[in-house]
Amino acid sequence: MPDTTLYYRTAGGALASQAASGETAGAPSLPEGATALTREEYETELAAIEAARQEHAEELVAADEANQRADYQALRASGIPETTARRLTGFRGTGETD
């Protein structure tokens, strides 16, 4: 029996694939409530999920950097030395306004 891969979306909305090869008894079967997808549909949806995850990760990093900058600037404005303000906030930008 040739290698077979079944691509699908579970009833809960998750993407999944199931492979069978060699002497496996029959082709993989679709789980209850799942919707079959072509390989292209599966890969397209998986790429969209990965792009959204990457975008969200970048937003989190940007928000964290903005918070560090704001905290650093507030400490500097209150007279805290630059090295101490950097250590306390983790701010790595260059200069007080970067």
PDB file of N, CA and C in Angstrom:
ATOM      1  N   MET A   1       0.849  -1.189   0.000  1.00  0.00           N
ATOM      2  CA  MET A   1       0.000   0.000   0.000  1.00  0.00           C
ATOM      3  C   MET A   1       0.891   1.247   0.000  1.00  0.00           C
ATOM      4  N   PRO A   2       0.615   2.200  -0.859  1.00  0.00           N
ATOM      5  CA  PRO A   2       1.421   3.425  -0.895  1.00  0.00           C
ATOM      6  C   PRO A   2       1.138   4.304   0.330  1.00  0.00           C
ATOM      7  N   ASP A   3       2.082   5.186   0.614  1.00  0.00           N
ATOM      8  CA  ASP A   3       1.891   6.129   1.722  1.00  0.00           C
ATOM      9  C   ASP A   3       0.685   7.012   1.441  1.00  0.00           C
ATOM     10  N   THR A   4      -0.128   7.241   2.459  1.00  0.00           N
ATOM     11  CA  THR A   4      -1.333   8.051   2.325  1.00  0.00           C
ATOM     12  C   THR A   4      -1.384   9.046   3.471  1.00  0.00           C
ATOM     13  N   THR A   5      -1.702  10.301   3.180  1.00  0.00           N
ATOM     14  CA  THR A   5      -1.871  11.307   4.222  1.00  0.00           C
ATOM     15  C   THR A   5      -3.247  11.932   4.054  1.00  0.00           C
ATOM     16  N   LEU A   6      -3.944  12.015   5.154  1.00  0.00           N
ATOM     17  CA  LEU A   6      -5.274  12.624   5.194  1.00  0.00           C
ATOM     18  C   LEU A   6      -5.134  13.964   5.909  1.00  0.00           C
ATOM     19  N   TYR A   7      -5.598  15.024   5.284  1.00  0.00           N
ATOM     20  CA  TYR A   7      -5.557  16.365   5.870  1.00  0.00           C
ATOM     21  C   TYR A   7      -6.979  16.757   6.227  1.00  0.00           C
ATOM     22  N   TYR A   8      -7.158  17.368   7.411  1.00  0.00           N
ATOM     23  CA  TYR A   8      -8.513  17.713   7.823  1.00  0.00           C
ATOM     24  C   TYR A   8      -8.521  18.784   8.906  1.00  0.00           C
ATOM     25  N   ARG A   9      -9.718  19.348   9.113  1.00  0.00           N
ATOM     26  CA  ARG A   9      -9.974  20.281  10.211  1.00  0.00           C
ATOM     27  C   ARG A   9     -10.883  19.522  11.166  1.00  0.00           C
ATOM     28  N   THR A  10     -10.479  19.471  12.450  1.00  0.00           N
ATOM     29  CA  THR A  10     -11.264  18.750  13.436  1.00  0.00           C
ATOM     30  C   THR A  10     -12.560  19.501  13.733  1.00  0.00           C
ATOM     31  N   ALA A  11     -13.476  18.836  14.413  1.00  0.00           N
ATOM     32  CA  ALA A  11     -14.747  19.463  14.788  1.00  0.00           C
ATOM     33  C   ALA A  11     -14.497  20.704  15.647  1.00  0.00           C
ATOM     34  N   GLY A  12     -13.394  20.713  16.394  1.00  0.00           N
ATOM     35  CA  GLY A  12     -13.040  21.856  17.231  1.00  0.00           C
ATOM     36  C   GLY A  12     -12.325  22.970  16.495  1.00  0.00           C
ATOM     37  N   GLY A  13     -12.013  22.756  15.205  1.00  0.00           N
ATOM     38  CA  GLY A  13     -11.396  23.799  14.394  1.00  0.00           C
ATOM     39  C   GLY A  13      -9.903  23.674  14.198  1.00  0.00           C
ATOM     40  N   ALA A  14      -9.259  22.696  14.841  1.00  0.00           N
ATOM     41  CA  ALA A  14      -7.812  22.530  14.691  1.00  0.00           C
ATOM     42  C   ALA A  14      -7.480  21.858  13.367  1.00  0.00           C
ATOM     43  N   LEU A  15      -6.329  22.224  12.806  1.00  0.00           N
ATOM     44  CA  LEU A  15      -5.843  21.551  11.607  1.00  0.00           C
ATOM     45  C   LEU A  15      -5.088  20.306  12.035  1.00  0.00           C
ATOM     46  N   ALA A  16      -5.230  19.239  11.255  1.00  0.00           N
ATOM     47  CA  ALA A  16      -4.545  17.997  11.588  1.00  0.00           C
ATOM     48  C   ALA A  16      -4.251  17.223  10.321  1.00  0.00           C
ATOM     49  N   SER A  17      -3.301  16.307  10.441  1.00  0.00           N
ATOM     50  CA  SER A  17      -3.022  15.379   9.354  1.00  0.00           C
ATOM     51  C   SER A  17      -2.769  14.017   9.974  1.00  0.00           C
ATOM     52  N   GLN A  18      -3.055  12.989   9.187  1.00  0.00           N
ATOM     53  CA  GLN A  18      -2.885  11.624   9.651  1.00  0.00           C
ATOM     54  C   GLN A  18      -2.273  10.844   8.504  1.00  0.00           C
ATOM     55  N   ALA A  19      -1.183  10.144   8.774  1.00  0.00           N
ATOM     56  CA  ALA A  19      -0.499   9.412   7.718  1.00  0.00           C
ATOM     57  C   ALA A  19      -0.570   7.911   7.973  1.00  0.00           C
ATOM     58  N   ALA A  20      -0.609   7.165   6.897  1.00  0.00           N
ATOM     59  CA  ALA A  20      -0.554   5.710   6.952  1.00  0.00           C
ATOM     60  C   ALA A  20       0.438   5.259   5.886  1.00  0.00           C
ATOM     61  N   SER A  21       1.210   4.234   6.199  1.00  0.00           N
ATOM     62  CA  SER A  21       2.171   3.749   5.218  1.00  0.00           C
ATOM     63  C   SER A  21       2.361   2.247   5.355  1.00  0.00           C
ATOM     64  N   GLY A  22       2.944   1.700   4.336  1.00  0.00           N
ATOM     65  CA  GLY A  22       3.313   0.298   4.353  1.00  0.00           C
ATOM     66  C   GLY A  22       2.150  -0.649   4.538  1.00  0.00           C
ATOM     67  N   GLU A  23       2.233  -1.482   5.546  1.00  0.00           N
ATOM     68  CA  GLU A  23       1.259  -2.543   5.786  1.00  0.00           C
ATOM     69  C   GLU A  23       0.071  -2.098   6.638  1.00  0.00           C
ATOM     70  N   THR A  24      -0.160  -0.820   6.767  1.00  0.00           N
ATOM     71  CA  THR A  24      -1.283  -0.317   7.554  1.00  0.00           C
ATOM     72  C   THR A  24      -2.584  -0.859   6.971  1.00  0.00           C
ATOM     73  N   ALA A  25      -3.471  -1.273   7.854  1.00  0.00           N
ATOM     74  CA  ALA A  25      -4.746  -1.837   7.409  1.00  0.00           C
ATOM     75  C   ALA A  25      -5.660  -0.732   6.907  1.00  0.00           C
ATOM     76  N   GLY A  26      -5.633  -0.459   5.615  1.00  0.00           N
ATOM     77  CA  GLY A  26      -6.511   0.538   5.025  1.00  0.00           C
ATOM     78  C   GLY A  26      -5.987   1.950   5.161  1.00  0.00           C
ATOM     79  N   ALA A  27      -6.629   2.845   4.458  1.00  0.00           N
ATOM     80  CA  ALA A  27      -6.265   4.261   4.498  1.00  0.00           C
ATOM     81  C   ALA A  27      -6.766   4.880   5.789  1.00  0.00           C
ATOM     82  N   PRO A  28      -6.135   5.961   6.238  1.00  0.00           N
ATOM     83  CA  PRO A  28      -6.626   6.622   7.447  1.00  0.00           C
ATOM     84  C   PRO A  28      -8.056   7.114   7.244  1.00  0.00           C
ATOM     85  N   SER A  29      -8.816   7.106   8.315  1.00  0.00           N
ATOM     86  CA  SER A  29     -10.204   7.551   8.197  1.00  0.00           C
ATOM     87  C   SER A  29     -10.381   8.901   8.874  1.00  0.00           C
ATOM     88  N   LEU A  30     -11.336   9.644   8.390  1.00  0.00           N
ATOM     89  CA  LEU A  30     -11.633  10.977   8.898  1.00  0.00           C
ATOM     90  C   LEU A  30     -12.307  10.863  10.265  1.00  0.00           C
ATOM     91  N   PRO A  31     -11.799  11.544  11.296  1.00  0.00           N
ATOM     92  CA  PRO A  31     -12.431  11.506  12.606  1.00  0.00           C
ATOM     93  C   PRO A  31     -13.850  12.082  12.557  1.00  0.00           C
ATOM     94  N   GLU A  32     -14.662  11.701  13.488  1.00  0.00           N
ATOM     95  CA  GLU A  32     -16.045  12.174  13.541  1.00  0.00           C
ATOM     96  C   GLU A  32     -16.092  13.700  13.660  1.00  0.00           C
ATOM     97  N   GLY A  33     -16.898  14.324  12.819  1.00  0.00           N
ATOM     98  CA  GLY A  33     -17.080  15.773  12.845  1.00  0.00           C
ATOM     99  C   GLY A  33     -16.004  16.548  12.113  1.00  0.00           C
ATOM    100  N   ALA A  34     -14.991  15.864  11.583  1.00  0.00           N
ATOM    101  CA  ALA A  34     -13.899  16.539  10.889  1.00  0.00           C
ATOM    102  C   ALA A  34     -14.284  16.829   9.438  1.00  0.00           C
ATOM    103  N   THR A  35     -13.622  17.831   8.872  1.00  0.00           N
ATOM    104  CA  THR A  35     -13.833  18.208   7.483  1.00  0.00           C
ATOM    105  C   THR A  35     -12.551  17.934   6.712  1.00  0.00           C
ATOM    106  N   ALA A  36     -12.656  17.160   5.648  1.00  0.00           N
ATOM    107  CA  ALA A  36     -11.481  16.835   4.834  1.00  0.00           C
ATOM    108  C   ALA A  36     -10.977  18.079   4.107  1.00  0.00           C
ATOM    109  N   LEU A  37      -9.653  18.162   3.968  1.00  0.00           N
ATOM    110  CA  LEU A  37      -9.003  19.244   3.237  1.00  0.00           C
ATOM    111  C   LEU A  37      -8.047  18.637   2.227  1.00  0.00           C
ATOM    112  N   THR A  38      -7.800  19.352   1.154  1.00  0.00           N
ATOM    113  CA  THR A  38      -6.739  18.927   0.248  1.00  0.00           C
ATOM    114  C   THR A  38      -5.410  19.320   0.881  1.00  0.00           C
ATOM    115  N   ARG A  39      -4.340  18.775   0.365  1.00  0.00           N
ATOM    116  CA  ARG A  39      -3.023  19.143   0.875  1.00  0.00           C
ATOM    117  C   ARG A  39      -2.792  20.643   0.707  1.00  0.00           C
ATOM    118  N   GLU A  40      -3.210  21.185  -0.437  1.00  0.00           N
ATOM    119  CA  GLU A  40      -3.021  22.611  -0.706  1.00  0.00           C
ATOM    120  C   GLU A  40      -3.817  23.469   0.279  1.00  0.00           C
ATOM    121  N   GLU A  41      -5.069  23.080   0.548  1.00  0.00           N
ATOM    122  CA  GLU A  41      -5.885  23.823   1.516  1.00  0.00           C
ATOM    123  C   GLU A  41      -5.250  23.775   2.901  1.00  0.00           C
ATOM    124  N   TYR A  42      -4.787  22.582   3.289  1.00  0.00           N
ATOM    125  CA  TYR A  42      -4.134  22.396   4.593  1.00  0.00           C
ATOM    126  C   TYR A  42      -2.897  23.288   4.703  1.00  0.00           C
ATOM    127  N   GLU A  43      -2.043  23.245   3.687  1.00  0.00           N
ATOM    128  CA  GLU A  43      -0.809  24.039   3.720  1.00  0.00           C
ATOM    129  C   GLU A  43      -1.092  25.536   3.700  1.00  0.00           C
ATOM    130  N   THR A  44      -2.112  25.961   2.956  1.00  0.00           N
ATOM    131  CA  THR A  44      -2.491  27.375   2.909  1.00  0.00           C
ATOM    132  C   THR A  44      -2.992  27.843   4.272  1.00  0.00           C
ATOM    133  N   GLU A  45      -3.864  27.051   4.878  1.00  0.00           N
ATOM    134  CA  GLU A  45      -4.395  27.423   6.196  1.00  0.00           C
ATOM    135  C   GLU A  45      -3.309  27.377   7.262  1.00  0.00           C
ATOM    136  N   LEU A  46      -2.417  26.399   7.182  1.00  0.00           N
ATOM    137  CA  LEU A  46      -1.318  26.305   8.136  1.00  0.00           C
ATOM    138  C   LEU A  46      -0.395  27.516   8.009  1.00  0.00           C
ATOM    139  N   ALA A  47      -0.122  27.950   6.771  1.00  0.00           N
ATOM    140  CA  ALA A  47       0.716  29.130   6.549  1.00  0.00           C
ATOM    141  C   ALA A  47       0.044  30.386   7.104  1.00  0.00           C
ATOM    142  N   ALA A  48      -1.276  30.486   6.952  1.00  0.00           N
ATOM    143  CA  ALA A  48      -2.001  31.644   7.492  1.00  0.00           C
ATOM    144  C   ALA A  48      -1.938  31.667   9.012  1.00  0.00           C
ATOM    145  N   ILE A  49      -2.052  30.503   9.626  1.00  0.00           N
ATOM    146  CA  ILE A  49      -1.961  30.408  11.088  1.00  0.00           C
ATOM    147  C   ILE A  49      -0.567  30.816  11.555  1.00  0.00           C
ATOM    148  N   GLU A  50       0.453  30.340  10.866  1.00  0.00           N
ATOM    149  CA  GLU A  50       1.836  30.674  11.225  1.00  0.00           C
ATOM    150  C   GLU A  50       2.088  32.170  11.041  1.00  0.00           C
ATOM    151  N   ALA A  51       1.563  32.760   9.973  1.00  0.00           N
ATOM    152  CA  ALA A  51       1.734  34.200   9.749  1.00  0.00           C
ATOM    153  C   ALA A  51       1.053  35.006  10.852  1.00  0.00           C
ATOM    154  N   ALA A  52      -0.133  34.588  11.263  1.00  0.00           N
ATOM    155  CA  ALA A  52      -0.849  35.281  12.340  1.00  0.00           C
ATOM    156  C   ALA A  52      -0.097  35.128  13.666  1.00  0.00           C
ATOM    157  N   ARG A  53       0.467  33.943  13.917  1.00  0.00           N
ATOM    158  CA  ARG A  53       1.239  33.718  15.140  1.00  0.00           C
ATOM    159  C   ARG A  53       2.487  34.601  15.156  1.00  0.00           C
ATOM    160  N   GLN A  54       3.163  34.683  14.010  1.00  0.00           N
ATOM    161  CA  GLN A  54       4.360  35.521  13.908  1.00  0.00           C
ATOM    162  C   GLN A  54       4.016  36.994  14.103  1.00  0.00           C
ATOM    163  N   GLU A  55       2.925  37.442  13.499  1.00  0.00           N
ATOM    164  CA  GLU A  55       2.496  38.831  13.650  1.00  0.00           C
ATOM    165  C   GLU A  55       2.185  39.141  15.117  1.00  0.00           C
ATOM    166  N   HIS A  56       1.514  38.226  15.782  1.00  0.00           N
ATOM    167  CA  HIS A  56       1.180  38.424  17.195  1.00  0.00           C
ATOM    168  C   HIS A  56       2.453  38.477  18.044  1.00  0.00           C
ATOM    169  N   ALA A  57       3.410  37.604  17.754  1.00  0.00           N
ATOM    170  CA  ALA A  57       4.676  37.608  18.492  1.00  0.00           C
ATOM    171  C   ALA A  57       5.402  38.941  18.314  1.00  0.00           C
ATOM    172  N   GLU A  58       5.398  39.451  17.093  1.00  0.00           N
ATOM    173  CA  GLU A  58       6.048  40.742  16.827  1.00  0.00           C
ATOM    174  C   GLU A  58       5.337  41.882  17.552  1.00  0.00           C
ATOM    175  N   GLU A  59       4.010  41.818  17.630  1.00  0.00           N
ATOM    176  CA  GLU A  59       3.250  42.831  18.373  1.00  0.00           C
ATOM    177  C   GLU A  59       3.597  42.790  19.859  1.00  0.00           C
ATOM    178  N   LEU A  60       3.748  41.594  20.412  1.00  0.00           N
ATOM    179  CA  LEU A  60       4.111  41.459  21.821  1.00  0.00           C
ATOM    180  C   LEU A  60       5.495  42.026  22.096  1.00  0.00           C
ATOM    181  N   VAL A  61       6.439  41.748  21.203  1.00  0.00           N
ATOM    182  CA  VAL A  61       7.800  42.280  21.355  1.00  0.00           C
ATOM    183  C   VAL A  61       7.779  43.807  21.268  1.00  0.00           C
ATOM    184  N   ALA A  62       7.047  44.347  20.310  1.00  0.00           N
ATOM    185  CA  ALA A  62       6.975  45.807  20.152  1.00  0.00           C
ATOM    186  C   ALA A  62       6.349  46.454  21.390  1.00  0.00           C
ATOM    187  N   ALA A  63       5.301  45.845  21.929  1.00  0.00           N
ATOM    188  CA  ALA A  63       4.650  46.387  23.129  1.00  0.00           C
ATOM    189  C   ALA A  63       5.610  46.343  24.319  1.00  0.00           C
ATOM    190  N   ASP A  64       6.362  45.256  24.433  1.00  0.00           N
ATOM    191  CA  ASP A  64       7.326  45.140  25.524  1.00  0.00           C
ATOM    192  C   ASP A  64       8.426  46.192  25.396  1.00  0.00           C
ATOM    193  N   GLU A  65       8.916  46.384  24.175  1.00  0.00           N
ATOM    194  CA  GLU A  65       9.949  47.403  23.952  1.00  0.00           C
ATOM    195  C   GLU A  65       9.423  48.799  24.251  1.00  0.00           C
ATOM    196  N   ALA A  66       8.176  49.069  23.880  1.00  0.00           N
ATOM    197  CA  ALA A  66       7.581  50.385  24.165  1.00  0.00           C
ATOM    198  C   ALA A  66       7.452  50.597  25.671  1.00  0.00           C
ATOM    199  N   ASN A  67       7.061  49.562  26.386  1.00  0.00           N
ATOM    200  CA  ASN A  67       6.957  49.669  27.846  1.00  0.00           C
ATOM    201  C   ASN A  67       8.327  49.903  28.479  1.00  0.00           C
ATOM    202  N   GLN A  68       9.338  49.190  28.002  1.00  0.00           N
ATOM    203  CA  GLN A  68      10.692  49.392  28.523  1.00  0.00           C
ATOM    204  C   GLN A  68      11.159  50.819  28.270  1.00  0.00           C
ATOM    205  N   ARG A  69      10.907  51.327  27.056  1.00  0.00           N
ATOM    206  CA  ARG A  69      11.305  52.693  26.711  1.00  0.00           C
ATOM    207  C   ARG A  69      10.606  53.699  27.622  1.00  0.00           C
ATOM    208  N   ALA A  70       9.305  53.537  27.811  1.00  0.00           N
ATOM    209  CA  ALA A  70       8.537  54.474  28.645  1.00  0.00           C
ATOM    210  C   ALA A  70       9.027  54.429  30.091  1.00  0.00           C
ATOM    211  N   ASP A  71       9.269  53.232  30.605  1.00  0.00           N
ATOM    212  CA  ASP A  71       9.773  53.108  31.975  1.00  0.00           C
ATOM    213  C   ASP A  71      11.153  53.721  32.115  1.00  0.00           C
ATOM    214  N   TYR A  72      12.013  53.470  31.125  1.00  0.00           N
ATOM    215  CA  TYR A  72      13.358  54.032  31.124  1.00  0.00           C
ATOM    216  C   TYR A  72      13.295  55.559  31.122  1.00  0.00           C
ATOM    217  N   GLN A  73      12.476  56.115  30.230  1.00  0.00           N
ATOM    218  CA  GLN A  73      12.377  57.575  30.146  1.00  0.00           C
ATOM    219  C   GLN A  73      11.810  58.172  31.430  1.00  0.00           C
ATOM    220  N   ALA A  74      10.858  57.493  32.049  1.00  0.00           N
ATOM    221  CA  ALA A  74      10.298  57.993  33.307  1.00  0.00           C
ATOM    222  C   ALA A  74      11.353  57.981  34.412  1.00  0.00           C
ATOM    223  N   LEU A  75      12.145  56.920  34.467  1.00  0.00           N
ATOM    224  CA  LEU A  75      13.208  56.868  35.480  1.00  0.00           C
ATOM    225  C   LEU A  75      14.259  57.934  35.232  1.00  0.00           C
ATOM    226  N   ARG A  76      14.637  58.128  33.976  1.00  0.00           N
ATOM    227  CA  ARG A  76      15.622  59.161  33.660  1.00  0.00           C
ATOM    228  C   ARG A  76      15.077  60.547  34.000  1.00  0.00           C
ATOM    229  N   ALA A  77      13.801  60.786  33.716  1.00  0.00           N
ATOM    230  CA  ALA A  77      13.191  62.090  34.008  1.00  0.00           C
ATOM    231  C   ALA A  77      13.144  62.354  35.511  1.00  0.00           C
ATOM    232  N   SER A  78      13.121  61.300  36.312  1.00  0.00           N
ATOM    233  CA  SER A  78      13.086  61.489  37.766  1.00  0.00           C
ATOM    234  C   SER A  78      14.486  61.541  38.374  1.00  0.00           C
ATOM    235  N   GLY A  79      15.515  61.526  37.516  1.00  0.00           N
ATOM    236  CA  GLY A  79      16.876  61.710  37.995  1.00  0.00           C
ATOM    237  C   GLY A  79      17.667  60.431  38.213  1.00  0.00           C
ATOM    238  N   ILE A  80      17.122  59.297  37.874  1.00  0.00           N
ATOM    239  CA  ILE A  80      17.843  58.028  38.025  1.00  0.00           C
ATOM    240  C   ILE A  80      18.951  57.976  36.980  1.00  0.00           C
ATOM    241  N   PRO A  81      20.167  57.582  37.368  1.00  0.00           N
ATOM    242  CA  PRO A  81      21.268  57.495  36.397  1.00  0.00           C
ATOM    243  C   PRO A  81      20.934  56.521  35.252  1.00  0.00           C
ATOM    244  N   GLU A  82      21.517  56.807  34.086  1.00  0.00           N
ATOM    245  CA  GLU A  82      21.223  56.021  32.892  1.00  0.00           C
ATOM    246  C   GLU A  82      21.486  54.528  33.091  1.00  0.00           C
ATOM    247  N   THR A  83      22.635  54.175  33.632  1.00  0.00           N
ATOM    248  CA  THR A  83      22.949  52.749  33.791  1.00  0.00           C
ATOM    249  C   THR A  83      21.960  52.047  34.718  1.00  0.00           C
ATOM    250  N   THR A  84      21.540  52.721  35.762  1.00  0.00           N
ATOM    251  CA  THR A  84      20.560  52.136  36.682  1.00  0.00           C
ATOM    252  C   THR A  84      19.205  52.000  35.998  1.00  0.00           C
ATOM    253  N   ALA A  85      18.794  53.044  35.268  1.00  0.00           N
ATOM    254  CA  ALA A  85      17.516  53.005  34.555  1.00  0.00           C
ATOM    255  C   ALA A  85      17.504  51.873  33.528  1.00  0.00           C
ATOM    256  N   ARG A  86      18.613  51.684  32.832  1.00  0.00           N
ATOM    257  CA  ARG A  86      18.699  50.594  31.855  1.00  0.00           C
ATOM    258  C   ARG A  86      18.618  49.232  32.559  1.00  0.00           C
ATOM    259  N   ARG A  87      19.322  49.091  33.652  1.00  0.00           N
ATOM    260  CA  ARG A  87      19.316  47.817  34.374  1.00  0.00           C
ATOM    261  C   ARG A  87      17.925  47.502  34.914  1.00  0.00           C
ATOM    262  N   LEU A  88      17.246  48.502  35.445  1.00  0.00           N
ATOM    263  CA  LEU A  88      15.915  48.292  36.019  1.00  0.00           C
ATOM    264  C   LEU A  88      14.850  47.976  34.969  1.00  0.00           C
ATOM    265  N   THR A  89      14.994  48.558  33.793  1.00  0.00           N
ATOM    266  CA  THR A  89      13.951  48.399  32.774  1.00  0.00           C
ATOM    267  C   THR A  89      14.284  47.383  31.683  1.00  0.00           C
ATOM    268  N   GLY A  90      15.568  47.064  31.530  1.00  0.00           N
ATOM    269  CA  GLY A  90      15.973  46.187  30.441  1.00  0.00           C
ATOM    270  C   GLY A  90      16.037  46.913  29.112  1.00  0.00           C
ATOM    271  N   PHE A  91      15.876  48.241  29.126  1.00  0.00           N
ATOM    272  CA  PHE A  91      15.893  49.032  27.893  1.00  0.00           C
ATOM    273  C   PHE A  91      17.272  48.955  27.250  1.00  0.00           C
ATOM    274  N   ARG A  92      17.309  48.669  25.939  1.00  0.00           N
ATOM    275  CA  ARG A  92      18.577  48.518  25.215  1.00  0.00           C
ATOM    276  C   ARG A  92      18.743  49.532  24.089  1.00  0.00           C
ATOM    277  N   GLY A  93      17.811  50.463  23.957  1.00  0.00           N
ATOM    278  CA  GLY A  93      17.893  51.478  22.900  1.00  0.00           C
ATOM    279  C   GLY A  93      19.113  52.358  23.092  1.00  0.00           C
ATOM    280  N   THR A  94      19.376  53.198  22.096  1.00  0.00           N
ATOM    281  CA  THR A  94      20.507  54.117  22.192  1.00  0.00           C
ATOM    282  C   THR A  94      20.007  55.489  22.569  1.00  0.00           C
ATOM    283  N   GLY A  95      20.638  56.089  23.539  1.00  0.00           N
ATOM    284  CA  GLY A  95      20.266  57.431  23.972  1.00  0.00           C
ATOM    285  C   GLY A  95      18.940  57.455  24.723  1.00  0.00           C
ATOM    286  N   GLU A  96      18.626  58.598  25.260  1.00  0.00           N
ATOM    287  CA  GLU A  96      17.437  58.708  26.103  1.00  0.00           C
ATOM    288  C   GLU A  96      16.140  58.742  25.321  1.00  0.00           C
ATOM    289  N   THR A  97      16.160  59.132  24.059  1.00  0.00           N
ATOM    290  CA  THR A  97      14.914  59.240  23.303  1.00  0.00           C
ATOM    291  C   THR A  97      14.724  58.097  22.310  1.00  0.00           C
ATOM    292  N   ASP A  98      15.688  57.170  22.225  1.00  0.00           N
ATOM    293  CA  ASP A  98      15.560  56.018  21.307  1.00  0.00           C
ATOM    294  C   ASP A  98      14.764  54.909  21.955  1.00  0.00           C
TER     295      ASP A  98
END
